[in-house]
Amino acid sequence: MATNVKVVKRRGEPNEKLIRRFTRKCKKERILEVYKEKTGHYVKPSVAKRLKKQQAIRENKKNMKKEQEKFSR
């Protein structure tokens, strides 16, 4: 999964804001998390539990949204 994140500087935009936009894009596309998973980066048990819970919440929201779309049709 090769992803290239490209951020173009807007007219009059400070460098700090450009860097913030870049970091937000990277977080949104989960580039760092995927890298850490693939390289075998150690995850503390408490962090692993929190991530698992967040993933379950995301999936639950996604499923609820799909069900809502079915009923609205």
PDB file of N, CA and C in Angstrom:
ATOM      1  N   MET A   1       0.844  -1.166   0.000  1.00  0.00           N
ATOM      2  CA  MET A   1       0.000   0.000   0.000  1.00  0.00           C
ATOM      3  C   MET A   1       0.896   1.238   0.000  1.00  0.00           C
ATOM      4  N   ALA A   2       1.260   1.681  -1.160  1.00  0.00           N
ATOM      5  CA  ALA A   2       2.105   2.861  -1.276  1.00  0.00           C
ATOM      6  C   ALA A   2       1.239   4.099  -1.415  1.00  0.00           C
ATOM      7  N   THR A   3       1.396   5.010  -0.482  1.00  0.00           N
ATOM      8  CA  THR A   3       0.638   6.251  -0.554  1.00  0.00           C
ATOM      9  C   THR A   3       1.599   7.418  -0.507  1.00  0.00           C
ATOM     10  N   ASN A   4       1.365   8.370  -1.355  1.00  0.00           N
ATOM     11  CA  ASN A   4       2.161   9.588  -1.355  1.00  0.00           C
ATOM     12  C   ASN A   4       1.263  10.732  -0.921  1.00  0.00           C
ATOM     13  N   VAL A   5       1.674  11.411   0.118  1.00  0.00           N
ATOM     14  CA  VAL A   5       0.916  12.556   0.598  1.00  0.00           C
ATOM     15  C   VAL A   5       1.592  13.802   0.069  1.00  0.00           C
ATOM     16  N   LYS A   6       0.831  14.588  -0.652  1.00  0.00           N
ATOM     17  CA  LYS A   6       1.381  15.796  -1.241  1.00  0.00           C
ATOM     18  C   LYS A   6       0.583  16.985  -0.741  1.00  0.00           C
ATOM     19  N   VAL A   7       1.286  17.996  -0.254  1.00  0.00           N
ATOM     20  CA  VAL A   7       0.650  19.215   0.231  1.00  0.00           C
ATOM     21  C   VAL A   7       1.307  20.384  -0.481  1.00  0.00           C
ATOM     22  N   VAL A   8       0.512  21.179  -1.169  1.00  0.00           N
ATOM     23  CA  VAL A   8       1.025  22.323  -1.898  1.00  0.00           C
ATOM     24  C   VAL A   8       0.793  23.580  -1.070  1.00  0.00           C
ATOM     25  N   LYS A   9       1.826  24.407  -0.987  1.00  0.00           N
ATOM     26  CA  LYS A   9       1.727  25.627  -0.194  1.00  0.00           C
ATOM     27  C   LYS A   9       0.799  26.624  -0.894  1.00  0.00           C
ATOM     28  N   ARG A  10      -0.161  27.137  -0.108  1.00  0.00           N
ATOM     29  CA  ARG A  10      -1.094  28.124  -0.629  1.00  0.00           C
ATOM     30  C   ARG A  10      -0.488  29.518  -0.523  1.00  0.00           C
ATOM     31  N   ARG A  11      -1.033  30.419  -1.293  1.00  0.00           N
ATOM     32  CA  ARG A  11      -0.521  31.785  -1.285  1.00  0.00           C
ATOM     33  C   ARG A  11      -0.716  32.418   0.096  1.00  0.00           C
ATOM     34  N   GLY A  12       0.358  32.936   0.651  1.00  0.00           N
ATOM     35  CA  GLY A  12       0.302  33.616   1.942  1.00  0.00           C
ATOM     36  C   GLY A  12       0.181  32.682   3.141  1.00  0.00           C
ATOM     37  N   GLU A  13       0.346  31.389   2.929  1.00  0.00           N
ATOM     38  CA  GLU A  13       0.198  30.420   4.023  1.00  0.00           C
ATOM     39  C   GLU A  13       1.524  30.259   4.764  1.00  0.00           C
ATOM     40  N   PRO A  14       1.511  30.377   6.087  1.00  0.00           N
ATOM     41  CA  PRO A  14       2.755  30.176   6.841  1.00  0.00           C
ATOM     42  C   PRO A  14       3.184  28.703   6.817  1.00  0.00           C
ATOM     43  N   ASN A  15       4.483  28.492   6.987  1.00  0.00           N
ATOM     44  CA  ASN A  15       5.026  27.127   6.937  1.00  0.00           C
ATOM     45  C   ASN A  15       4.458  26.241   8.029  1.00  0.00           C
ATOM     46  N   GLU A  16       4.191  26.801   9.216  1.00  0.00           N
ATOM     47  CA  GLU A  16       3.663  26.009  10.324  1.00  0.00           C
ATOM     48  C   GLU A  16       2.303  25.414   9.957  1.00  0.00           C
ATOM     49  N   LYS A  17       1.472  26.214   9.290  1.00  0.00           N
ATOM     50  CA  LYS A  17       0.141  25.736   8.898  1.00  0.00           C
ATOM     51  C   LYS A  17       0.258  24.642   7.833  1.00  0.00           C
ATOM     52  N   LEU A  18       1.220  24.797   6.934  1.00  0.00           N
ATOM     53  CA  LEU A  18       1.466  23.797   5.898  1.00  0.00           C
ATOM     54  C   LEU A  18       1.862  22.466   6.531  1.00  0.00           C
ATOM     55  N   ILE A  19       2.740  22.529   7.527  1.00  0.00           N
ATOM     56  CA  ILE A  19       3.179  21.309   8.216  1.00  0.00           C
ATOM     57  C   ILE A  19       2.017  20.666   8.951  1.00  0.00           C
ATOM     58  N   ARG A  20       1.156  21.493   9.580  1.00  0.00           N
ATOM     59  CA  ARG A  20      -0.024  20.960  10.271  1.00  0.00           C
ATOM     60  C   ARG A  20      -0.959  20.237   9.303  1.00  0.00           C
ATOM     61  N   ARG A  21      -1.161  20.827   8.112  1.00  0.00           N
ATOM     62  CA  ARG A  21      -2.019  20.174   7.114  1.00  0.00           C
ATOM     63  C   ARG A  21      -1.421  18.840   6.684  1.00  0.00           C
ATOM     64  N   PHE A  22      -0.094  18.814   6.512  1.00  0.00           N
ATOM     65  CA  PHE A  22       0.583  17.584   6.125  1.00  0.00           C
ATOM     66  C   PHE A  22       0.410  16.506   7.189  1.00  0.00           C
ATOM     67  N   THR A  23       0.606  16.879   8.458  1.00  0.00           N
ATOM     68  CA  THR A  23       0.463  15.899   9.545  1.00  0.00           C
ATOM     69  C   THR A  23      -0.962  15.385   9.619  1.00  0.00           C
ATOM     70  N   ARG A  24      -1.949  16.272   9.452  1.00  0.00           N
ATOM     71  CA  ARG A  24      -3.350  15.835   9.482  1.00  0.00           C
ATOM     72  C   ARG A  24      -3.643  14.850   8.365  1.00  0.00           C
ATOM     73  N   LYS A  25      -3.117  15.116   7.168  1.00  0.00           N
ATOM     74  CA  LYS A  25      -3.325  14.200   6.047  1.00  0.00           C
ATOM     75  C   LYS A  25      -2.705  12.838   6.330  1.00  0.00           C
ATOM     76  N   CYS A  26      -1.510  12.849   6.905  1.00  0.00           N
ATOM     77  CA  CYS A  26      -0.835  11.585   7.234  1.00  0.00           C
ATOM     78  C   CYS A  26      -1.631  10.797   8.263  1.00  0.00           C
ATOM     79  N   LYS A  27      -2.170  11.502   9.270  1.00  0.00           N
ATOM     80  CA  LYS A  27      -2.971  10.811  10.285  1.00  0.00           C
ATOM     81  C   LYS A  27      -4.244  10.259   9.678  1.00  0.00           C
ATOM     82  N   LYS A  28      -4.868  11.021   8.795  1.00  0.00           N
ATOM     83  CA  LYS A  28      -6.118  10.594   8.173  1.00  0.00           C
ATOM     84  C   LYS A  28      -5.908   9.338   7.325  1.00  0.00           C
ATOM     85  N   GLU A  29      -4.792   9.277   6.620  1.00  0.00           N
ATOM     86  CA  GLU A  29      -4.506   8.121   5.780  1.00  0.00           C
ATOM     87  C   GLU A  29      -3.809   6.991   6.545  1.00  0.00           C
ATOM     88  N   ARG A  30      -3.555   7.211   7.837  1.00  0.00           N
ATOM     89  CA  ARG A  30      -2.981   6.211   8.734  1.00  0.00           C
ATOM     90  C   ARG A  30      -1.651   5.655   8.234  1.00  0.00           C
ATOM     91  N   ILE A  31      -0.816   6.515   7.707  1.00  0.00           N
ATOM     92  CA  ILE A  31       0.467   6.088   7.152  1.00  0.00           C
ATOM     93  C   ILE A  31       1.399   5.583   8.250  1.00  0.00           C
ATOM     94  N   LEU A  32       1.536   6.337   9.319  1.00  0.00           N
ATOM     95  CA  LEU A  32       2.457   5.960  10.395  1.00  0.00           C
ATOM     96  C   LEU A  32       2.001   4.694  11.109  1.00  0.00           C
ATOM     97  N   GLU A  33       0.697   4.544  11.328  1.00  0.00           N
ATOM     98  CA  GLU A  33       0.185   3.355  12.009  1.00  0.00           C
ATOM     99  C   GLU A  33       0.457   2.101  11.184  1.00  0.00           C
ATOM    100  N   VAL A  34       0.225   2.195   9.870  1.00  0.00           N
ATOM    101  CA  VAL A  34       0.463   1.038   9.001  1.00  0.00           C
ATOM    102  C   VAL A  34       1.938   0.670   9.007  1.00  0.00           C
ATOM    103  N   TYR A  35       2.806   1.664   8.975  1.00  0.00           N
ATOM    104  CA  TYR A  35       4.244   1.406   9.006  1.00  0.00           C
ATOM    105  C   TYR A  35       4.636   0.698  10.292  1.00  0.00           C
ATOM    106  N   LYS A  36       4.128   1.180  11.413  1.00  0.00           N
ATOM    107  CA  LYS A  36       4.472   0.574  12.698  1.00  0.00           C
ATOM    108  C   LYS A  36       3.959  -0.856  12.786  1.00  0.00           C
ATOM    109  N   GLU A  37       2.754  -1.102  12.232  1.00  0.00           N
ATOM    110  CA  GLU A  37       2.214  -2.463  12.243  1.00  0.00           C
ATOM    111  C   GLU A  37       3.089  -3.398  11.425  1.00  0.00           C
ATOM    112  N   LYS A  38       3.541  -2.935  10.270  1.00  0.00           N
ATOM    113  CA  LYS A  38       4.314  -3.790   9.378  1.00  0.00           C
ATOM    114  C   LYS A  38       5.724  -4.043   9.881  1.00  0.00           C
ATOM    115  N   THR A  39       6.302  -3.115  10.614  1.00  0.00           N
ATOM    116  CA  THR A  39       7.678  -3.287  11.072  1.00  0.00           C
ATOM    117  C   THR A  39       7.760  -3.984  12.424  1.00  0.00           C
ATOM    118  N   GLY A  40       6.637  -4.325  13.014  1.00  0.00           N
ATOM    119  CA  GLY A  40       6.665  -5.040  14.277  1.00  0.00           C
ATOM    120  C   GLY A  40       6.942  -4.135  15.455  1.00  0.00           C
ATOM    121  N   HIS A  41       6.523  -2.916  15.375  1.00  0.00           N
ATOM    122  CA  HIS A  41       6.705  -1.946  16.452  1.00  0.00           C
ATOM    123  C   HIS A  41       5.944  -2.412  17.688  1.00  0.00           C
ATOM    124  N   TYR A  42       6.599  -2.370  18.856  1.00  0.00           N
ATOM    125  CA  TYR A  42       5.969  -2.831  20.093  1.00  0.00           C
ATOM    126  C   TYR A  42       4.859  -1.890  20.517  1.00  0.00           C
ATOM    127  N   VAL A  43       3.716  -2.485  20.871  1.00  0.00           N
ATOM    128  CA  VAL A  43       2.569  -1.710  21.352  1.00  0.00           C
ATOM    129  C   VAL A  43       2.243  -2.204  22.751  1.00  0.00           C
ATOM    130  N   LYS A  44       2.179  -1.259  23.687  1.00  0.00           N
ATOM    131  CA  LYS A  44       1.850  -1.631  25.056  1.00  0.00           C
ATOM    132  C   LYS A  44       0.449  -2.227  25.101  1.00  0.00           C
ATOM    133  N   PRO A  45       0.189  -3.156  26.026  1.00  0.00           N
ATOM    134  CA  PRO A  45      -1.122  -3.788  26.105  1.00  0.00           C
ATOM    135  C   PRO A  45      -2.269  -2.791  26.290  1.00  0.00           C
ATOM    136  N   SER A  46      -2.054  -1.753  27.091  1.00  0.00           N
ATOM    137  CA  SER A  46      -3.118  -0.772  27.304  1.00  0.00           C
ATOM    138  C   SER A  46      -3.426  -0.008  26.016  1.00  0.00           C
ATOM    139  N   VAL A  47      -2.388   0.290  25.243  1.00  0.00           N
ATOM    140  CA  VAL A  47      -2.583   0.989  23.970  1.00  0.00           C
ATOM    141  C   VAL A  47      -3.276   0.071  22.977  1.00  0.00           C
ATOM    142  N   ALA A  48      -2.893  -1.199  22.957  1.00  0.00           N
ATOM    143  CA  ALA A  48      -3.517  -2.151  22.052  1.00  0.00           C
ATOM    144  C   ALA A  48      -5.007  -2.287  22.357  1.00  0.00           C
ATOM    145  N   LYS A  49      -5.339  -2.321  23.646  1.00  0.00           N
ATOM    146  CA  LYS A  49      -6.746  -2.429  24.045  1.00  0.00           C
ATOM    147  C   LYS A  49      -7.523  -1.195  23.611  1.00  0.00           C
ATOM    148  N   ARG A  50      -6.923  -0.016  23.790  1.00  0.00           N
ATOM    149  CA  ARG A  50      -7.579   1.232  23.401  1.00  0.00           C
ATOM    150  C   ARG A  50      -7.790   1.289  21.885  1.00  0.00           C
ATOM    151  N   LEU A  51      -6.787   0.864  21.122  1.00  0.00           N
ATOM    152  CA  LEU A  51      -6.909   0.861  19.664  1.00  0.00           C
ATOM    153  C   LEU A  51      -7.983  -0.114  19.194  1.00  0.00           C
ATOM    154  N   LYS A  52      -8.039  -1.265  19.850  1.00  0.00           N
ATOM    155  CA  LYS A  52      -9.041  -2.262  19.498  1.00  0.00           C
ATOM    156  C   LYS A  52     -10.448  -1.728  19.759  1.00  0.00           C
ATOM    157  N   LYS A  53     -10.607  -1.024  20.877  1.00  0.00           N
ATOM    158  CA  LYS A  53     -11.902  -0.439  21.224  1.00  0.00           C
ATOM    159  C   LYS A  53     -12.292   0.650  20.220  1.00  0.00           C
ATOM    160  N   GLN A  54     -11.327   1.492  19.837  1.00  0.00           N
ATOM    161  CA  GLN A  54     -11.604   2.540  18.855  1.00  0.00           C
ATOM    162  C   GLN A  54     -11.999   1.948  17.509  1.00  0.00           C
ATOM    163  N   GLN A  55     -11.341   0.874  17.107  1.00  0.00           N
ATOM    164  CA  GLN A  55     -11.664   0.207  15.844  1.00  0.00           C
ATOM    165  C   GLN A  55     -13.075  -0.360  15.889  1.00  0.00           C
ATOM    166  N   ALA A  56     -13.457  -0.944  17.019  1.00  0.00           N
ATOM    167  CA  ALA A  56     -14.798  -1.504  17.162  1.00  0.00           C
ATOM    168  C   ALA A  56     -15.852  -0.398  17.078  1.00  0.00           C
ATOM    169  N   ILE A  57     -15.557   0.749  17.673  1.00  0.00           N
ATOM    170  CA  ILE A  57     -16.492   1.879  17.622  1.00  0.00           C
ATOM    171  C   ILE A  57     -16.645   2.364  16.187  1.00  0.00           C
ATOM    172  N   ARG A  58     -15.511   2.475  15.461  1.00  0.00           N
ATOM    173  CA  ARG A  58     -15.563   2.903  14.053  1.00  0.00           C
ATOM    174  C   ARG A  58     -16.404   1.947  13.216  1.00  0.00           C
ATOM    175  N   GLU A  59     -16.176   0.641  13.401  1.00  0.00           N
ATOM    176  CA  GLU A  59     -16.925  -0.352  12.635  1.00  0.00           C
ATOM    177  C   GLU A  59     -18.404  -0.313  12.979  1.00  0.00           C
ATOM    178  N   ASN A  60     -18.715  -0.110  14.252  1.00  0.00           N
ATOM    179  CA  ASN A  60     -20.104  -0.033  14.687  1.00  0.00           C
ATOM    180  C   ASN A  60     -20.798   1.165  14.042  1.00  0.00           C
ATOM    181  N   LYS A  61     -20.116   2.320  14.021  1.00  0.00           N
ATOM    182  CA  LYS A  61     -20.690   3.507  13.388  1.00  0.00           C
ATOM    183  C   LYS A  61     -20.923   3.267  11.904  1.00  0.00           C
ATOM    184  N   LYS A  62     -19.979   2.612  11.262  1.00  0.00           N
ATOM    185  CA  LYS A  62     -20.080   2.325   9.834  1.00  0.00           C
ATOM    186  C   LYS A  62     -21.274   1.413   9.557  1.00  0.00           C
ATOM    187  N   ASN A  63     -21.442   0.375  10.384  1.00  0.00           N
ATOM    188  CA  ASN A  63     -22.563  -0.544  10.212  1.00  0.00           C
ATOM    189  C   ASN A  63     -23.900   0.142  10.466  1.00  0.00           C
ATOM    190  N   MET A  64     -23.934   1.007  11.488  1.00  0.00           N
ATOM    191  CA  MET A  64     -25.167   1.742  11.784  1.00  0.00           C
ATOM    192  C   MET A  64     -25.545   2.658  10.621  1.00  0.00           C
ATOM    193  N   LYS A  65     -24.551   3.283  10.024  1.00  0.00           N
ATOM    194  CA  LYS A  65     -24.798   4.176   8.889  1.00  0.00           C
ATOM    195  C   LYS A  65     -25.356   3.396   7.705  1.00  0.00           C
ATOM    196  N   LYS A  66     -24.810   2.191   7.462  1.00  0.00           N
ATOM    197  CA  LYS A  66     -25.300   1.357   6.371  1.00  0.00           C
ATOM    198  C   LYS A  66     -26.751   0.939   6.618  1.00  0.00           C
ATOM    199  N   GLU A  67     -27.071   0.593   7.871  1.00  0.00           N
ATOM    200  CA  GLU A  67     -28.438   0.204   8.205  1.00  0.00           C
ATOM    201  C   GLU A  67     -29.403   1.381   8.017  1.00  0.00           C
ATOM    202  N   GLN A  68     -28.969   2.573   8.395  1.00  0.00           N
ATOM    203  CA  GLN A  68     -29.800   3.764   8.240  1.00  0.00           C
ATOM    204  C   GLN A  68     -30.092   4.003   6.760  1.00  0.00           C
ATOM    205  N   GLU A  69     -29.082   3.798   5.900  1.00  0.00           N
ATOM    206  CA  GLU A  69     -29.278   3.985   4.463  1.00  0.00           C
ATOM    207  C   GLU A  69     -30.262   2.968   3.898  1.00  0.00           C
ATOM    208  N   LYS A  70     -30.225   1.732   4.417  1.00  0.00           N
ATOM    209  CA  LYS A  70     -31.153   0.708   3.941  1.00  0.00           C
ATOM    210  C   LYS A  70     -32.601   1.104   4.255  1.00  0.00           C
ATOM    211  N   PHE A  71     -32.831   1.616   5.468  1.00  0.00           N
ATOM    212  CA  PHE A  71     -34.186   1.962   5.876  1.00  0.00           C
ATOM    213  C   PHE A  71     -34.691   3.228   5.197  1.00  0.00           C
ATOM    214  N   SER A  72     -33.771   4.108   4.803  1.00  0.00           N
ATOM    215  CA  SER A  72     -34.199   5.367   4.184  1.00  0.00           C
ATOM    216  C   SER A  72     -34.597   5.172   2.732  1.00  0.00           C
ATOM    217  N   ARG A  73     -34.212   4.070   2.119  1.00  0.00           N
ATOM    218  CA  ARG A  73     -34.527   3.830   0.705  1.00  0.00           C
ATOM    219  C   ARG A  73     -35.905   3.361   0.521  1.00  0.00           C
TER     220      ARG A  73
END
